[in-house]
Amino acid sequence: MDTQPSLLAAIREAVRGPGWAPGRRPAGGRMPPLDGATGWLNSPPLTTEGLRGRVVAVDFWTYTCINWLRTVPYVRAWADAYRDAGLVVVGVHTPEFPFEHDVDNVRRAIEDRRITYPVALDADYGVWTAFTNMYWPALYVVDADGRIRYTHFGEGAYEESEQVIRQLLAEAGAGDGLPPPVTVDADGIEAAADWAALGSAETYLGAERTENLASPERATTGSPRRYTAPARLAPGSWALAGEWTVQPDAVRLDGPGGGIAYRFTARDLHLVMTPPSSGTPVRFGVRLDGAPPGADSGDDVDDDGAGTVREPRLYHLVRQNGPVAERTFEITFLDPGVQAYAVTFG
């Protein structure tokens, strides 16, 4: 974020850098205040004091994070199943990319993900800082006395997290009124990653954190330059083709016909993209090993590989339906102005 560049750099390094190891850390302490929120959606402003007597699950997220997108079916299910038993789920949307500060974008994401529980907008990282949080996603479960009894960072541990929620609700007096544990059948972009076949790591495309750029031209930050893609890419490397401006946190296409190529191993490939500031849609085509993806197309492309960038979000471009193999992904944009931020896998 422009307002807190040093904090953002530290967060990015901690959250999704090479040393990121999601999991639990010792719980303890009181639930911090929520008054750092810059706004609220789905609810009037909530306070820590006003939540006393309820079990609270605080879920930190940012809407383009694939790790969070794969956890939201569980958080959503817990909110629905245990609301009447005394659970309050509070989502805290702390943005990573500049466009995630836009309230309308967050509101659209909430609708897309069918989120009905309260969401605190944390544009200034006030709630994040109060919790000394460093991860997307991060779950903090607070008992009815306001004590943090459980934390989990990253994906997974869903049964364990739900058991803690049930235990704390029972302690708060829910007793025999608890429903059975939830059953979650996630699909589409929310489906769990194929961890056994996942061989590629998330890659940022902007100059601040990019690596493995294989275009022979030296990247020039802040000014347009024509790039070319090599005939072959090494595993985990990527390339630009066409006229692009490399920015600190993204790459922007300055003319039609440019593209991005990536050599990857994963079931799913996603790309965080935004249309031009004018909002003009950007058409694109996807190829896998030089051919249309067909049955291996993601949710945001058809079998011929055609799609359109209409709003700022994460786009699901590839889902290999057969055995996962190393593939070359190429996306070519028919229109200029698109900005691409990060490639993620699943």
Protein backbone atom coordinates (compact mmCIF):
# COMPACT_ATOMS: atom_id res chain seq x y z
CA MET A 1 0.00 0.00 0.00
CA ASP A 2 1.26 3.47 -0.79
CA THR A 3 0.49 4.66 2.73
CA GLN A 4 2.56 1.96 4.44
CA PRO A 5 5.20 0.72 1.96
CA SER A 6 7.61 -0.67 4.56
CA LEU A 7 4.84 -2.52 6.36
CA LEU A 8 3.52 -3.96 3.10
CA ALA A 9 6.98 -5.16 2.08
CA ALA A 10 7.38 -6.92 5.42
CA ILE A 11 3.91 -8.44 5.16
CA ARG A 12 4.54 -9.76 1.66
CA GLU A 13 7.83 -11.29 2.73
CA ALA A 14 6.29 -12.93 5.78
CA VAL A 15 3.05 -14.03 4.16
CA ARG A 16 4.02 -15.52 0.86
CA GLY A 17 7.77 -15.42 0.69
CA PRO A 18 9.98 -18.50 0.46
CA GLY A 19 9.97 -18.97 4.22
CA TRP A 20 6.21 -18.83 4.70
CA ALA A 21 5.14 -21.63 7.02
CA PRO A 22 1.43 -21.36 7.86
CA GLY A 23 0.16 -22.98 11.00
CA ARG A 24 -0.62 -22.19 14.60
CA ARG A 25 1.08 -20.06 17.17
CA PRO A 26 0.32 -20.07 20.90
CA ALA A 27 -2.99 -18.38 21.67
CA GLY A 28 -3.40 -16.00 24.54
CA GLY A 29 -4.26 -12.47 25.51
CA ARG A 30 -7.43 -10.49 25.14
CA MET A 31 -9.17 -9.73 21.88
CA PRO A 32 -7.82 -6.36 20.69
CA PRO A 33 -10.17 -3.50 19.82
CA LEU A 34 -11.77 -3.19 16.38
CA ASP A 35 -11.80 0.60 16.30
CA GLY A 36 -9.05 0.65 13.68
CA ALA A 37 -11.60 -0.41 11.05
CA THR A 38 -12.22 2.20 8.35
CA GLY A 39 -15.75 0.94 7.68
CA TRP A 40 -18.09 -2.03 7.95
CA LEU A 41 -20.10 -4.12 5.51
CA ASN A 42 -23.03 -6.41 6.35
CA SER A 43 -23.21 -4.85 9.84
CA PRO A 44 -23.12 -1.66 11.84
CA PRO A 45 -19.74 -1.14 13.55
CA LEU A 46 -18.93 -3.82 16.11
CA THR A 47 -16.79 -3.42 19.21
CA THR A 48 -14.82 -5.87 21.26
CA GLU A 49 -16.80 -4.88 24.34
CA GLY A 50 -20.09 -5.34 22.52
CA LEU A 51 -19.09 -8.87 21.49
CA ARG A 52 -18.36 -9.94 25.06
CA GLY A 53 -20.49 -12.95 25.95
CA ARG A 54 -20.31 -14.32 22.40
CA VAL A 55 -17.77 -16.68 20.87
CA VAL A 56 -16.03 -14.76 18.07
CA ALA A 57 -14.11 -16.06 15.05
CA VAL A 58 -11.99 -13.30 13.48
CA ASP A 59 -10.96 -14.09 9.91
CA PHE A 60 -8.31 -11.88 8.22
CA TRP A 61 -8.46 -11.90 4.42
CA THR A 62 -7.84 -10.02 1.22
CA TYR A 63 -10.13 -10.85 -1.64
CA THR A 64 -7.61 -11.88 -4.33
CA CYS A 65 -5.72 -14.28 -2.04
CA ILE A 66 -6.15 -17.84 -3.32
CA ASN A 67 -5.21 -19.22 0.10
CA TRP A 68 -8.15 -17.35 1.64
CA LEU A 69 -10.51 -18.23 -1.21
CA ARG A 70 -9.98 -21.91 -0.42
CA THR A 71 -10.80 -21.38 3.28
CA VAL A 72 -13.93 -19.26 2.88
CA PRO A 73 -16.33 -22.22 2.31
CA TYR A 74 -15.52 -23.40 5.83
CA VAL A 75 -15.75 -19.98 7.47
CA ARG A 76 -19.04 -19.36 5.67
CA ALA A 77 -20.38 -22.73 6.82
CA TRP A 78 -19.39 -22.11 10.45
CA ALA A 79 -21.05 -18.69 10.40
CA ASP A 80 -24.30 -20.18 9.12
CA ALA A 81 -24.30 -23.32 11.27
CA TYR A 82 -23.38 -21.79 14.64
CA ARG A 83 -24.97 -18.34 14.48
CA ASP A 84 -27.97 -19.36 16.59
CA ALA A 85 -25.65 -21.12 19.08
CA GLY A 86 -23.83 -17.85 19.81
CA LEU A 87 -20.97 -17.64 17.27
CA VAL A 88 -20.15 -14.33 15.62
CA VAL A 89 -17.81 -14.49 12.62
CA VAL A 90 -16.06 -11.19 11.89
CA GLY A 91 -14.23 -10.93 8.60
CA VAL A 92 -11.41 -8.38 8.49
CA HIS A 93 -10.55 -7.33 4.95
CA THR A 94 -6.99 -6.00 4.99
CA PRO A 95 -6.02 -5.16 1.38
CA GLU A 96 -2.78 -6.23 -0.26
CA PHE A 97 -3.04 -4.55 -3.68
CA PRO A 98 -4.11 -0.91 -4.26
CA PHE A 99 -7.39 -1.82 -5.98
CA GLU A 100 -8.41 -3.89 -2.95
CA HIS A 101 -8.84 -0.61 -1.03
CA ASP A 102 -11.87 0.19 -3.20
CA VAL A 103 -15.00 -0.51 -1.15
CA ASP A 104 -17.05 -1.35 -4.24
CA ASN A 105 -14.53 -4.04 -5.17
CA VAL A 106 -14.72 -5.53 -1.68
CA ARG A 107 -18.50 -5.36 -1.76
CA ARG A 108 -18.54 -7.23 -5.09
CA ALA A 109 -16.23 -9.89 -3.65
CA ILE A 110 -18.51 -10.32 -0.64
CA GLU A 111 -21.46 -10.89 -2.97
CA ASP A 112 -19.49 -13.30 -5.16
CA ARG A 113 -18.41 -15.36 -2.13
CA ARG A 114 -21.91 -15.25 -0.57
CA ILE A 115 -20.61 -13.73 2.68
CA THR A 116 -23.37 -12.56 5.01
CA TYR A 117 -21.40 -12.15 8.25
CA PRO A 118 -19.96 -8.76 9.36
CA VAL A 119 -16.86 -7.55 7.54
CA ALA A 120 -14.56 -4.86 8.94
CA LEU A 121 -12.77 -2.80 6.29
CA ASP A 122 -9.16 -2.48 7.42
CA ALA A 123 -7.71 -0.16 4.76
CA ASP A 124 -5.23 1.44 7.18
CA TYR A 125 -4.13 -1.89 8.76
CA GLY A 126 -5.44 -0.72 12.13
CA VAL A 127 -7.10 -4.01 13.11
CA TRP A 128 -4.24 -6.01 11.57
CA THR A 129 -1.74 -4.08 13.70
CA ALA A 130 -3.84 -4.40 16.86
CA PHE A 131 -3.79 -8.20 16.44
CA THR A 132 -0.08 -8.14 15.45
CA ASN A 133 -1.19 -10.27 12.53
CA MET A 134 1.13 -11.18 9.65
CA TYR A 135 -0.88 -13.60 7.51
CA TRP A 136 -3.66 -13.94 4.93
CA PRO A 137 -5.69 -15.90 5.86
CA ALA A 138 -5.53 -15.86 9.66
CA LEU A 139 -8.13 -17.20 12.10
CA TYR A 140 -8.44 -16.09 15.73
CA VAL A 141 -11.10 -17.75 17.91
CA VAL A 142 -12.12 -15.79 21.01
CA ASP A 143 -14.10 -17.17 23.95
CA ALA A 144 -17.10 -15.52 25.56
CA ASP A 145 -14.84 -13.82 28.11
CA GLY A 146 -12.87 -12.08 25.35
CA ARG A 147 -9.75 -14.28 25.49
CA ILE A 148 -8.04 -15.51 22.31
CA ARG A 149 -8.08 -19.27 22.75
CA TYR A 150 -6.96 -20.47 19.32
CA THR A 151 -5.15 -19.21 16.23
CA HIS A 152 -4.44 -20.74 12.83
CA PHE A 153 -2.62 -19.24 9.85
CA GLY A 154 -3.02 -20.39 6.27
CA GLU A 155 -5.17 -23.18 4.93
CA GLY A 156 -6.17 -26.45 6.57
CA ALA A 157 -6.92 -27.54 10.17
CA TYR A 158 -10.64 -27.15 9.45
CA GLU A 159 -11.81 -29.96 11.74
CA GLU A 160 -9.54 -28.75 14.53
CA SER A 161 -10.75 -25.16 14.16
CA GLU A 162 -14.38 -26.24 14.19
CA GLN A 163 -13.84 -28.38 17.28
CA VAL A 164 -12.45 -25.36 19.10
CA ILE A 165 -15.49 -23.32 18.09
CA ARG A 166 -17.80 -26.06 19.34
CA GLN A 167 -15.88 -26.38 22.59
CA LEU A 168 -16.03 -22.65 23.30
CA LEU A 169 -19.73 -22.50 22.44
CA ALA A 170 -20.35 -25.36 24.87
CA GLU A 171 -18.38 -23.52 27.55
CA ALA A 172 -20.56 -20.49 26.89
CA GLY A 173 -23.71 -22.50 27.54
CA ALA A 174 -24.79 -23.78 24.11
CA GLY A 175 -24.65 -27.37 25.38
CA ASP A 176 -26.97 -29.75 23.59
CA GLY A 177 -28.13 -26.98 21.27
CA LEU A 178 -25.14 -27.36 18.97
CA PRO A 179 -25.82 -28.61 15.44
CA PRO A 180 -23.73 -31.44 13.99
CA PRO A 181 -20.35 -30.54 12.49
CA VAL A 182 -20.57 -28.92 9.08
CA THR A 183 -20.08 -30.71 5.79
CA VAL A 184 -18.32 -28.66 3.13
CA ASP A 185 -18.20 -29.57 -0.55
CA ALA A 186 -16.14 -26.78 -2.11
CA ASP A 187 -15.92 -26.42 -5.87
CA GLY A 188 -14.65 -24.02 -8.52
CA ILE A 189 -12.06 -21.55 -7.34
CA GLU A 190 -12.85 -22.47 -3.71
CA ALA A 191 -11.86 -26.12 -4.14
CA ALA A 192 -8.88 -27.34 -2.13
CA ALA A 193 -5.55 -27.37 -3.94
CA ASP A 194 -4.11 -30.58 -5.32
CA TRP A 195 -1.20 -30.41 -2.89
CA ALA A 196 0.40 -33.67 -4.03
CA ALA A 197 0.79 -32.34 -7.59
CA LEU A 198 1.55 -28.70 -6.75
CA GLY A 199 5.06 -27.93 -8.00
CA SER A 200 4.92 -24.19 -8.71
CA ALA A 201 5.13 -21.26 -6.31
CA GLU A 202 3.19 -18.01 -6.37
CA THR A 203 4.94 -15.38 -8.47
CA TYR A 204 4.56 -11.61 -8.20
CA LEU A 205 4.99 -9.81 -11.53
CA GLY A 206 5.83 -6.28 -10.34
CA ALA A 207 9.43 -5.14 -9.93
CA GLU A 208 9.34 -5.12 -6.12
CA ARG A 209 9.25 -8.88 -5.76
CA THR A 210 9.43 -10.55 -9.13
CA GLU A 211 11.85 -13.35 -9.90
CA ASN A 212 12.54 -15.84 -12.70
CA LEU A 213 11.65 -13.40 -15.50
CA ALA A 214 13.05 -15.10 -18.61
CA SER A 215 12.54 -12.35 -21.23
CA PRO A 216 16.02 -11.51 -22.56
CA GLU A 217 15.39 -7.77 -22.24
CA ARG A 218 16.31 -6.18 -18.94
CA ALA A 219 13.18 -5.06 -17.10
CA THR A 220 12.86 -1.27 -16.98
CA THR A 221 10.64 -0.04 -14.15
CA GLY A 222 8.22 2.79 -14.90
CA SER A 223 8.61 3.14 -18.66
CA PRO A 224 7.24 1.20 -21.66
CA ARG A 225 9.49 -1.37 -23.26
CA ARG A 226 9.06 -4.15 -25.80
CA TYR A 227 9.73 -7.63 -24.41
CA THR A 228 10.05 -11.01 -26.07
CA ALA A 229 9.44 -14.53 -24.80
CA PRO A 230 12.08 -17.22 -25.39
CA ALA A 231 11.15 -20.27 -27.43
CA ARG A 232 11.45 -22.46 -24.32
CA LEU A 233 10.93 -21.66 -20.66
CA ALA A 234 12.60 -23.40 -17.75
CA PRO A 235 10.29 -24.76 -15.03
CA GLY A 236 9.09 -21.94 -12.77
CA SER A 237 10.15 -19.18 -15.16
CA TRP A 238 7.93 -16.68 -16.95
CA ALA A 239 8.20 -14.11 -19.73
CA LEU A 240 6.56 -11.01 -21.17
CA ALA A 241 5.86 -10.53 -24.88
CA GLY A 242 4.87 -7.20 -26.41
CA GLU A 243 5.02 -3.66 -25.07
CA TRP A 244 4.72 -3.54 -21.26
CA THR A 245 5.45 -1.12 -18.44
CA VAL A 246 6.87 -2.87 -15.40
CA GLN A 247 5.55 -1.17 -12.27
CA PRO A 248 6.53 -1.77 -8.63
CA ASP A 249 3.57 -4.09 -7.96
CA ALA A 250 2.30 -5.05 -11.44
CA VAL A 251 2.96 -5.10 -15.17
CA ARG A 252 0.77 -3.00 -17.52
CA LEU A 253 0.22 -3.79 -21.18
CA ASP A 254 0.65 -0.69 -23.36
CA GLY A 255 -0.44 -2.11 -26.72
CA PRO A 256 -2.69 -4.88 -28.05
CA GLY A 257 -1.31 -8.32 -28.72
CA GLY A 258 1.02 -8.59 -25.74
CA GLY A 259 1.14 -11.62 -23.52
CA ILE A 260 2.55 -13.52 -20.54
CA ALA A 261 3.97 -17.04 -20.60
CA TYR A 262 4.72 -19.34 -17.63
CA ARG A 263 6.12 -22.86 -17.33
CA PHE A 264 4.28 -24.46 -14.40
CA THR A 265 3.29 -27.67 -12.67
CA ALA A 266 -0.07 -27.52 -10.89
CA ARG A 267 -3.70 -28.47 -11.36
CA ASP A 268 -4.84 -24.83 -11.27
CA LEU A 269 -3.37 -21.58 -12.52
CA HIS A 270 -4.81 -18.18 -11.55
CA LEU A 271 -3.83 -14.63 -12.47
CA VAL A 272 -4.69 -11.47 -10.52
CA MET A 273 -5.66 -8.84 -13.10
CA THR A 274 -7.41 -5.48 -13.41
CA PRO A 275 -8.87 -3.73 -16.47
CA PRO A 276 -7.68 -0.21 -17.38
CA SER A 277 -8.67 2.63 -15.05
CA SER A 278 -11.37 3.51 -17.60
CA GLY A 279 -13.02 0.16 -16.86
CA THR A 280 -12.86 -0.87 -20.54
CA PRO A 281 -13.01 -4.68 -20.78
CA VAL A 282 -9.88 -6.46 -22.00
CA ARG A 283 -10.30 -9.59 -24.13
CA PHE A 284 -7.76 -12.39 -23.88
CA GLY A 285 -6.96 -15.88 -25.12
CA VAL A 286 -5.30 -18.72 -23.20
CA ARG A 287 -3.17 -21.53 -24.64
CA LEU A 288 -1.66 -24.60 -22.99
CA ASP A 289 1.36 -25.98 -24.80
CA GLY A 290 0.28 -23.92 -27.80
CA ALA A 291 -3.29 -25.26 -28.02
CA PRO A 292 -6.67 -24.15 -26.63
CA PRO A 293 -7.20 -25.52 -23.09
CA GLY A 294 -10.37 -27.45 -23.92
CA ALA A 295 -11.38 -29.53 -20.90
CA ASP A 296 -8.47 -28.01 -18.94
CA SER A 297 -9.98 -24.51 -18.99
CA GLY A 298 -10.59 -22.66 -15.73
CA ASP A 299 -13.81 -21.00 -14.62
CA ASP A 300 -12.98 -17.71 -16.36
CA VAL A 301 -12.26 -19.04 -19.87
CA ASP A 302 -14.19 -21.14 -22.36
CA ASP A 303 -12.88 -24.31 -23.98
CA ASP A 304 -11.31 -22.24 -26.75
CA GLY A 305 -9.40 -20.24 -24.12
CA ALA A 306 -11.32 -16.99 -24.60
CA GLY A 307 -12.07 -14.71 -21.65
CA THR A 308 -12.46 -11.07 -20.64
CA VAL A 309 -11.05 -8.98 -17.79
CA ARG A 310 -14.00 -6.92 -16.59
CA GLU A 311 -13.26 -6.19 -12.95
CA PRO A 312 -10.21 -6.30 -10.64
CA ARG A 313 -9.93 -9.79 -9.16
CA LEU A 314 -8.25 -13.17 -9.34
CA TYR A 315 -9.06 -15.05 -12.57
CA HIS A 316 -9.17 -18.85 -12.72
CA LEU A 317 -7.59 -19.74 -16.07
CA VAL A 318 -6.48 -23.39 -15.94
CA ARG A 319 -7.73 -26.55 -14.23
CA GLN A 320 -6.04 -29.72 -15.48
CA ASN A 321 -8.67 -32.44 -15.37
CA GLY A 322 -6.38 -35.38 -16.06
CA PRO A 323 -3.03 -36.22 -14.46
CA VAL A 324 -1.18 -33.02 -13.61
CA ALA A 325 1.79 -32.44 -15.91
CA GLU A 326 4.30 -29.68 -16.48
CA ARG A 327 2.75 -27.28 -19.00
CA THR A 328 3.47 -24.00 -20.74
CA PHE A 329 0.74 -21.44 -20.11
CA GLU A 330 0.33 -18.46 -22.44
CA ILE A 331 -2.16 -15.63 -22.24
CA THR A 332 -2.45 -13.08 -25.06
CA PHE A 333 -4.45 -9.85 -24.65
CA LEU A 334 -6.36 -8.48 -27.61
CA ASP A 335 -6.76 -5.06 -25.98
CA PRO A 336 -4.28 -2.81 -24.11
CA GLY A 337 -4.39 -1.52 -20.56
CA VAL A 338 -4.63 -4.70 -18.51
CA GLN A 339 -2.54 -4.85 -15.33
CA ALA A 340 -1.33 -8.21 -14.02
CA TYR A 341 -0.16 -8.59 -10.43
CA ALA A 342 0.48 -12.21 -9.46
CA VAL A 343 0.24 -15.79 -10.70
CA THR A 344 -0.97 -18.36 -8.17
CA PHE A 345 -1.49 -22.11 -8.30
CA GLY A 346 -3.55 -24.86 -6.75
